[in-house]
Protein backbone atom coordinates (compact mmCIF):
# COMPACT_ATOMS: atom_id res chain seq x y z
CA MET A 1 5.20 16.46 -13.53
CA LEU A 2 1.58 17.29 -14.37
CA SER A 3 0.60 13.62 -14.27
CA ARG A 4 2.23 13.30 -10.84
CA ILE A 5 0.30 16.32 -9.53
CA VAL A 6 -2.97 14.93 -10.87
CA TYR A 7 -2.13 11.57 -9.28
CA CYS A 8 -1.56 13.21 -5.91
CA LEU A 9 -4.71 15.30 -6.18
CA SER A 10 -6.69 12.11 -6.69
CA PHE A 11 -5.16 10.83 -3.44
CA VAL A 12 -6.36 13.89 -1.53
CA LEU A 13 -9.92 12.69 -1.98
CA LEU A 14 -9.05 9.36 -0.40
CA SER A 15 -6.08 9.83 1.87
CA ALA A 16 -4.62 12.07 4.54
CA GLN A 17 -1.09 11.28 3.42
CA CYS A 18 0.23 11.67 -0.13
CA VAL A 19 3.78 11.77 -1.44
CA SER A 20 4.51 15.18 -2.96
CA PRO A 21 6.87 15.60 -5.93
CA SER A 22 9.60 16.74 -3.48
CA LYS A 23 9.10 13.57 -1.43
CA GLN A 24 9.29 11.51 -4.59
CA HIS A 25 12.66 13.07 -5.39
CA GLU A 26 13.77 12.43 -1.80
CA PHE A 27 13.05 8.71 -2.01
CA ASP A 28 14.68 8.50 -5.44
CA SER A 29 17.91 9.39 -3.61
CA ILE A 30 17.79 6.39 -1.27
CA GLY A 31 20.37 3.75 -2.13
CA ALA A 32 23.61 3.74 -4.09
CA PRO A 33 23.78 4.54 -7.82
CA CYS A 34 23.02 1.47 -9.91
CA SER A 35 26.20 -0.36 -10.89
CA SER A 36 24.88 -1.07 -14.39
CA GLU A 37 22.34 0.31 -16.82
CA THR A 38 19.91 -2.51 -16.06
CA ASP A 39 16.92 -1.27 -14.09
CA SER A 40 13.92 -3.10 -12.74
CA ASP A 41 10.37 -2.50 -13.90
CA ARG A 42 9.74 1.25 -13.65
CA SER A 43 6.42 0.49 -11.97
CA ILE A 44 8.42 -0.78 -8.96
CA ASN A 45 9.68 1.84 -6.53
CA GLY A 46 12.22 0.22 -4.24
CA ALA A 47 10.38 -2.05 -1.82
CA LEU A 48 8.83 -5.30 -3.04
CA LEU A 49 5.68 -7.28 -2.27
CA ALA A 50 6.10 -11.06 -2.23
CA SER A 51 2.37 -11.36 -2.85
CA ARG A 52 2.89 -9.95 -6.36
CA ILE A 53 5.63 -12.41 -7.36
CA GLU A 54 4.66 -16.00 -8.05
CA THR A 55 7.85 -17.82 -9.04
CA LEU A 56 11.61 -17.62 -8.72
CA ASP A 57 11.92 -17.02 -12.47
CA GLU A 58 9.54 -14.07 -12.16
CA LEU A 59 11.60 -12.67 -9.29
CA LYS A 60 14.74 -12.95 -11.43
CA SER A 61 13.13 -10.52 -13.87
CA VAL A 62 13.01 -7.96 -11.04
CA ILE A 63 16.30 -8.56 -9.20
CA ASP A 64 19.69 -10.05 -10.07
CA ILE A 65 20.67 -13.23 -8.20
CA PHE A 66 24.25 -14.54 -8.12
CA TYR A 67 25.55 -17.66 -6.35
CA PHE A 68 29.16 -18.25 -5.31
CA ILE A 69 30.61 -21.51 -3.98
CA ASP A 70 33.88 -21.59 -2.04
CA SER A 71 35.77 -24.21 -4.03
CA ALA A 72 38.18 -24.83 -1.15
CA SER A 73 35.31 -25.91 1.07
CA LEU A 74 34.39 -28.66 -1.38
CA THR A 75 37.47 -30.65 -0.38
CA ASP A 76 38.69 -29.19 2.90
CA SER A 77 35.47 -29.24 4.89
CA LEU A 78 32.41 -31.32 5.50
CA GLU A 79 30.37 -28.14 4.96
CA VAL A 80 30.21 -26.33 1.64
CA ASN A 81 30.50 -22.58 2.09
CA SER A 82 28.28 -20.62 -0.28
CA THR A 83 27.11 -17.05 -0.77
CA VAL A 84 24.17 -15.48 -2.56
CA VAL A 85 24.24 -11.87 -3.72
CA LEU A 86 20.99 -10.10 -4.60
CA ARG A 87 20.93 -6.82 -6.45
CA HIS A 88 17.83 -4.65 -6.90
CA CYS A 89 18.08 -1.53 -9.04
CA SER A 90 15.11 0.86 -9.00
CA HIS A 91 14.92 4.37 -10.45
CA GLY A 92 18.68 4.55 -10.83
CA LYS A 93 19.38 3.51 -7.23
CA GLU A 94 20.24 0.05 -5.97
CA VAL A 95 20.60 -2.06 -2.89
CA VAL A 96 22.73 -5.18 -2.63
CA SER A 97 22.10 -7.98 -0.16
CA GLU A 98 24.75 -10.60 0.53
CA LEU A 99 24.09 -13.74 2.55
CA SER A 100 26.71 -16.39 3.31
CA SER A 101 26.30 -19.79 4.88
CA GLY A 102 26.89 -19.69 8.63
CA ILE A 103 25.09 -19.52 11.93
CA SER A 104 21.36 -18.93 12.27
CA GLN A 105 19.25 -17.55 15.09
CA ASP A 106 18.86 -21.16 16.28
CA ASP A 107 22.59 -21.25 17.09
CA ILE A 108 22.32 -18.00 19.02
CA ALA A 109 19.33 -19.27 21.01
CA LYS A 110 21.20 -22.50 21.75
CA ALA A 111 24.19 -20.58 23.10
CA ARG A 112 22.01 -18.18 25.08
CA ASP A 113 20.13 -20.96 26.81
CA GLY A 114 22.84 -23.63 26.74
CA ASP A 115 26.01 -24.50 28.61
CA TYR A 116 29.56 -23.19 28.38
CA GLY A 117 30.34 -25.47 25.44
CA ASP A 118 27.49 -23.99 23.40
CA GLN A 119 28.63 -20.48 24.24
CA LEU A 120 32.24 -21.23 23.33
CA ALA A 121 31.18 -22.69 20.00
CA LEU A 122 29.27 -19.48 19.21
CA ALA A 123 32.22 -17.31 20.27
CA ILE A 124 34.42 -19.16 17.79
CA SER A 125 31.96 -19.22 14.88
CA ALA A 126 30.37 -15.80 15.42
CA PRO A 127 32.46 -13.45 17.57
CA TYR A 128 30.23 -10.53 16.52
CA ALA A 129 27.26 -12.09 18.30
CA VAL A 130 29.22 -12.47 21.53
CA ALA A 131 30.79 -9.01 21.40
CA ASN A 132 27.38 -7.39 20.80
CA ARG A 133 25.21 -9.69 22.91
CA MET A 134 23.75 -6.84 25.00
CA ASP A 135 22.54 -4.91 21.95
CA LEU A 136 21.29 -8.14 20.36
CA ASN A 137 19.23 -8.78 23.48
CA LYS A 138 17.81 -5.26 23.26
CA VAL A 139 16.77 -5.79 19.65
CA TYR A 140 15.27 -9.16 20.62
CA THR A 141 13.21 -7.45 23.33
CA LEU A 142 11.98 -4.73 20.95
CA SER A 143 10.99 -7.31 18.34
CA ARG A 144 9.07 -9.62 20.68
CA TRP A 145 6.01 -9.30 22.90
CA LYS A 146 7.09 -9.18 26.55
CA PRO A 147 3.94 -8.68 28.64
CA ASN A 148 5.74 -9.89 31.77
CA LEU A 149 8.11 -6.93 31.43
CA PHE A 150 5.92 -4.24 29.89
CA GLY A 151 2.43 -5.28 30.87
CA GLU A 152 -0.53 -6.77 29.07
CA GLY A 153 -0.87 -5.56 25.50
CA ASP A 154 2.85 -5.03 24.99
CA VAL A 155 3.78 -4.06 21.43
CA ALA A 156 6.69 -4.98 19.14
CA PHE A 157 7.90 -4.28 15.61
CA TYR A 158 5.07 -6.39 14.19
CA ASP A 159 2.47 -4.13 15.81
CA LEU A 160 3.96 -1.06 14.14
CA ALA A 161 3.72 -2.82 10.78
CA LYS A 162 0.20 -3.98 11.56
CA GLN A 163 -0.84 -0.41 12.38
CA SER A 164 0.59 0.80 9.06
CA VAL A 165 -1.50 -1.81 7.28
CA GLY A 166 -4.51 -0.55 9.22
CA ASN A 167 -3.61 3.00 8.17
CA ILE A 168 -3.92 2.20 4.46
CA SER A 169 -6.64 4.53 3.20
CA THR A 170 -6.80 3.45 -0.44
CA PRO A 171 -7.71 -0.26 -0.33
CA ASP A 172 -8.85 -0.23 -3.94
CA ARG A 173 -5.31 0.70 -4.97
CA ALA A 174 -3.56 -1.47 -2.39
CA TYR A 175 -5.25 -4.87 -2.60
CA LEU A 176 -4.95 -6.08 -6.15
CA ASN A 177 -5.11 -9.78 -5.23
CA GLU A 178 -6.04 -11.89 -2.21
CA ARG A 179 -2.42 -12.47 -1.22
CA ASP A 180 -1.86 -8.74 -0.69
CA SER A 181 -3.93 -8.95 2.49
CA SER A 182 -2.28 -12.19 3.67
CA GLU A 183 0.79 -12.63 5.87
CA LYS A 184 2.87 -12.60 2.67
CA GLY A 185 1.51 -9.21 1.59
CA TYR A 186 1.86 -5.72 3.02
CA ILE A 187 2.20 -6.85 6.63
CA ASN A 188 5.33 -8.86 5.83
CA SER A 189 6.99 -6.12 3.75
CA PHE A 190 6.16 -3.47 6.35
CA ASN A 191 7.41 -5.66 9.20
CA HIS A 192 10.79 -6.19 7.58
CA ILE A 193 11.31 -2.62 6.40
CA THR A 194 10.10 -0.90 9.58
CA GLY A 195 12.03 -3.25 11.87
CA GLN A 196 15.25 -2.94 9.88
CA ALA A 197 14.91 0.85 9.74
CA ILE A 198 14.55 1.11 13.52
CA VAL A 199 17.45 -1.27 14.22
CA THR A 200 19.68 0.66 11.81
CA THR A 201 18.70 4.01 13.33
CA CYS A 202 19.07 2.92 16.96
CA PHE A 203 22.06 0.61 16.64
CA SER A 204 23.84 0.26 13.29
CA GLU A 205 23.54 -1.04 9.76
CA GLU A 206 25.93 -3.85 10.71
CA MET A 207 23.63 -4.91 13.54
CA ALA A 208 20.60 -4.85 11.23
CA ASP A 209 22.50 -6.91 8.65
CA PHE A 210 23.53 -9.51 11.20
CA ILE A 211 20.02 -9.92 12.56
CA ALA A 212 18.59 -10.18 9.05
CA ASP A 213 21.17 -12.79 8.05
CA VAL A 214 20.66 -15.13 11.00
CA HIS A 215 16.90 -14.86 10.53
CA GLU A 216 16.99 -15.78 6.85
CA LEU A 217 19.40 -18.67 7.46
CA HIS A 218 16.97 -19.94 10.07
CA ASN A 219 14.19 -19.81 7.50
CA MET A 220 16.09 -21.59 4.73
CA SER A 221 19.81 -22.40 4.71
CA GLU A 222 19.65 -23.26 0.99
CA LEU A 223 19.21 -19.56 0.15
CA THR A 224 23.00 -19.20 -0.08
CA SER A 225 23.48 -22.00 -2.63
CA GLY A 226 20.25 -21.96 -4.64
CA ASN A 227 19.93 -25.73 -4.27
CA PHE A 228 16.21 -25.80 -3.58
CA SER A 229 14.03 -28.86 -3.56
CA ILE A 230 10.77 -29.00 -5.48
CA ASP A 231 8.93 -28.96 -2.15
CA GLN A 232 10.70 -25.77 -1.10
CA LEU A 233 9.93 -24.07 -4.40
CA ASN A 234 6.25 -24.96 -4.06
CA ASP A 235 5.86 -24.31 -0.31
CA VAL A 236 3.26 -21.57 0.12
CA ASN A 237 4.49 -20.63 3.61
CA ASN A 238 8.27 -20.67 3.26
CA ASN A 239 9.82 -20.52 -0.19
CA PRO A 240 12.86 -18.85 -1.82
CA VAL A 241 10.82 -16.05 -3.41
CA ASP A 242 9.45 -14.88 -0.06
CA ASN A 243 12.88 -15.01 1.59
CA TYR A 244 14.70 -13.22 -1.22
CA VAL A 245 12.05 -10.49 -1.22
CA ASP A 246 12.58 -10.16 2.54
CA MET A 247 16.32 -9.77 1.98
CA ILE A 248 15.80 -6.96 -0.52
CA ASN A 249 13.27 -5.23 1.71
CA ASN A 250 15.71 -5.49 4.63
CA GLU A 251 18.21 -3.48 2.59
CA TRP A 252 15.68 -0.78 1.68
CA GLY A 253 14.74 -0.63 5.37
CA GLN A 254 18.37 -0.07 6.31
CA GLU A 255 18.67 2.74 3.77
CA LEU A 256 15.59 4.37 5.29
CA GLY A 257 16.99 3.91 8.79
CA LYS A 258 20.23 5.67 7.89
CA LYS A 259 18.38 8.58 6.30
CA LEU A 260 15.98 9.04 9.22
CA LYS A 261 18.80 8.79 11.76
CA VAL A 262 20.37 11.85 10.16
CA ARG A 263 17.06 13.67 9.67
CA TYR A 264 16.15 13.47 13.37
CA SER A 265 19.73 13.57 14.72
CA ILE A 266 19.09 10.34 16.60
CA THR A 267 21.79 9.05 18.95
CA ASN A 268 21.89 6.41 21.67
CA LYS A 269 20.84 9.15 24.09
CA THR A 270 17.79 10.31 22.13
CA GLU A 271 14.48 10.25 23.97
CA TRP A 272 11.84 8.67 21.76
CA THR A 273 8.88 10.88 22.54
CA PRO A 274 5.48 9.93 21.07
CA GLU A 275 5.88 12.88 18.70
CA LEU A 276 9.28 11.68 17.44
CA LEU A 277 8.08 8.10 16.98
CA ALA A 278 4.93 9.21 15.15
CA ASN A 279 6.94 11.48 12.83
CA TYR A 280 9.51 8.75 12.21
CA LEU A 281 6.84 6.17 11.31
CA ASN A 282 4.95 8.68 9.16
CA ASP A 283 8.13 9.21 7.16
CA ILE A 284 8.32 5.45 6.66
CA GLN A 285 4.67 5.47 5.59
CA SER A 286 5.50 8.22 3.10
CA TYR A 287 8.07 5.86 1.66
CA TYR A 288 5.46 3.09 1.46
CA SER A 289 3.08 5.50 -0.25
CA TRP A 290 5.75 6.27 -2.84
CA ALA A 291 6.87 2.66 -3.25
CA PHE A 292 3.44 1.05 -3.55
CA ARG A 293 1.41 4.02 -4.83
CA ILE A 294 -1.11 3.87 -2.01
CA GLY A 295 -2.41 6.32 0.58
CA PHE A 296 -2.22 6.26 4.37
CA ARG A 297 -3.76 7.85 7.40
CA PRO A 298 -0.93 9.19 9.57
CA PHE A 299 0.19 7.95 12.97
CA THR A 300 -0.66 10.35 15.80
CA ILE A 301 0.73 10.81 19.29
CA ASP A 302 -2.59 9.58 20.66
CA ASP A 303 -2.33 6.15 19.00
CA ASP A 304 -2.06 3.41 21.60
CA VAL A 305 0.75 1.69 19.70
CA ILE A 306 2.73 4.95 19.64
CA LYS A 307 2.38 5.50 23.38
CA LYS A 308 3.33 1.93 24.23
CA PHE A 309 6.26 1.55 21.86
CA SER A 310 7.79 4.93 22.68
CA ASN A 311 7.72 3.92 26.35
CA LYS A 312 9.17 0.50 25.54
CA ILE A 313 12.00 1.72 23.31
CA ASN A 314 13.09 4.30 25.88
CA GLN A 315 13.21 1.68 28.63
CA VAL A 316 15.06 -0.87 26.51
CA LEU A 317 17.62 1.53 25.03
CA GLY A 318 18.11 3.22 28.40
CA GLY A 319 18.71 -0.07 30.19
CA VAL A 320 15.98 0.76 32.71
CA ILE A 321 14.59 -2.77 32.75
CA PRO A 322 16.36 -6.15 32.84
CA ILE A 323 16.67 -7.89 29.48
CA GLU A 324 14.83 -11.18 29.73
CA LYS A 325 16.42 -14.39 28.52
CA SER A 326 14.29 -16.26 26.04
CA THR A 327 13.36 -19.87 26.69
CA THR A 328 12.20 -20.46 23.12
């Protein structure tokens, strides 16, 4: 306890936001109890940074990876159905991510912009997407820049993550290698966790899971089988390590989203005031501070990104504006 207090006091000299011992205990409670005694490196608190993990073998020392092949599909279908299950245990708590072969966001875009045949094919293969198409469109709008709907300088999930990166107040602690400041570093982890938290809070964990799954299958369908080519393993922009880290971070984001939904009593009728959004994102930053042992400056109600996104989320969730069809 004394070492933790000294650690936090050192942050006070550098940061406006530090995780107190009570906050540390709070984040220790996120996730389910670990299903075995195996625990990841105690220096890792929940969320992961792909920029700190070089190879798939190194990742396997941090998380468990299991592959399952549907033996019936080997003979009864032209497509082999496979599933990957990732398990990350940290500080006695774990998250489990499961991804099965199936549709990707490309299939959804094809149905959205295609003819009746494309839409029927999606209804058969992914009835969830059809039944929840209105909410999926809302999430799509929140996650993309739409200046034609919200004006020049519109903001999306990525901008919230980018602002959190800009809020880091202890760069000497945060940036331990060049990749930490790249698109595979903090910005990527923050983007996945913050986005998944908001989707879980505003819609549901099932919705967040579905969106995460179709995104990862779009990135690399081989994630479910583990049958990677040498080129895929060595690709600096899109490789299994990055995608598996994203999958784990998605799960931690969902756990945060569930916790914050309860904390702020958020429903589908909640008005996202600048104050609520700033508090919500500061709680997520407190988690990042705990997970990565870094300090942050807090979001404020006067931040441009807070004003714009609170306005956007209220319009989108309230159905005040039409949901634009994507042409991409």
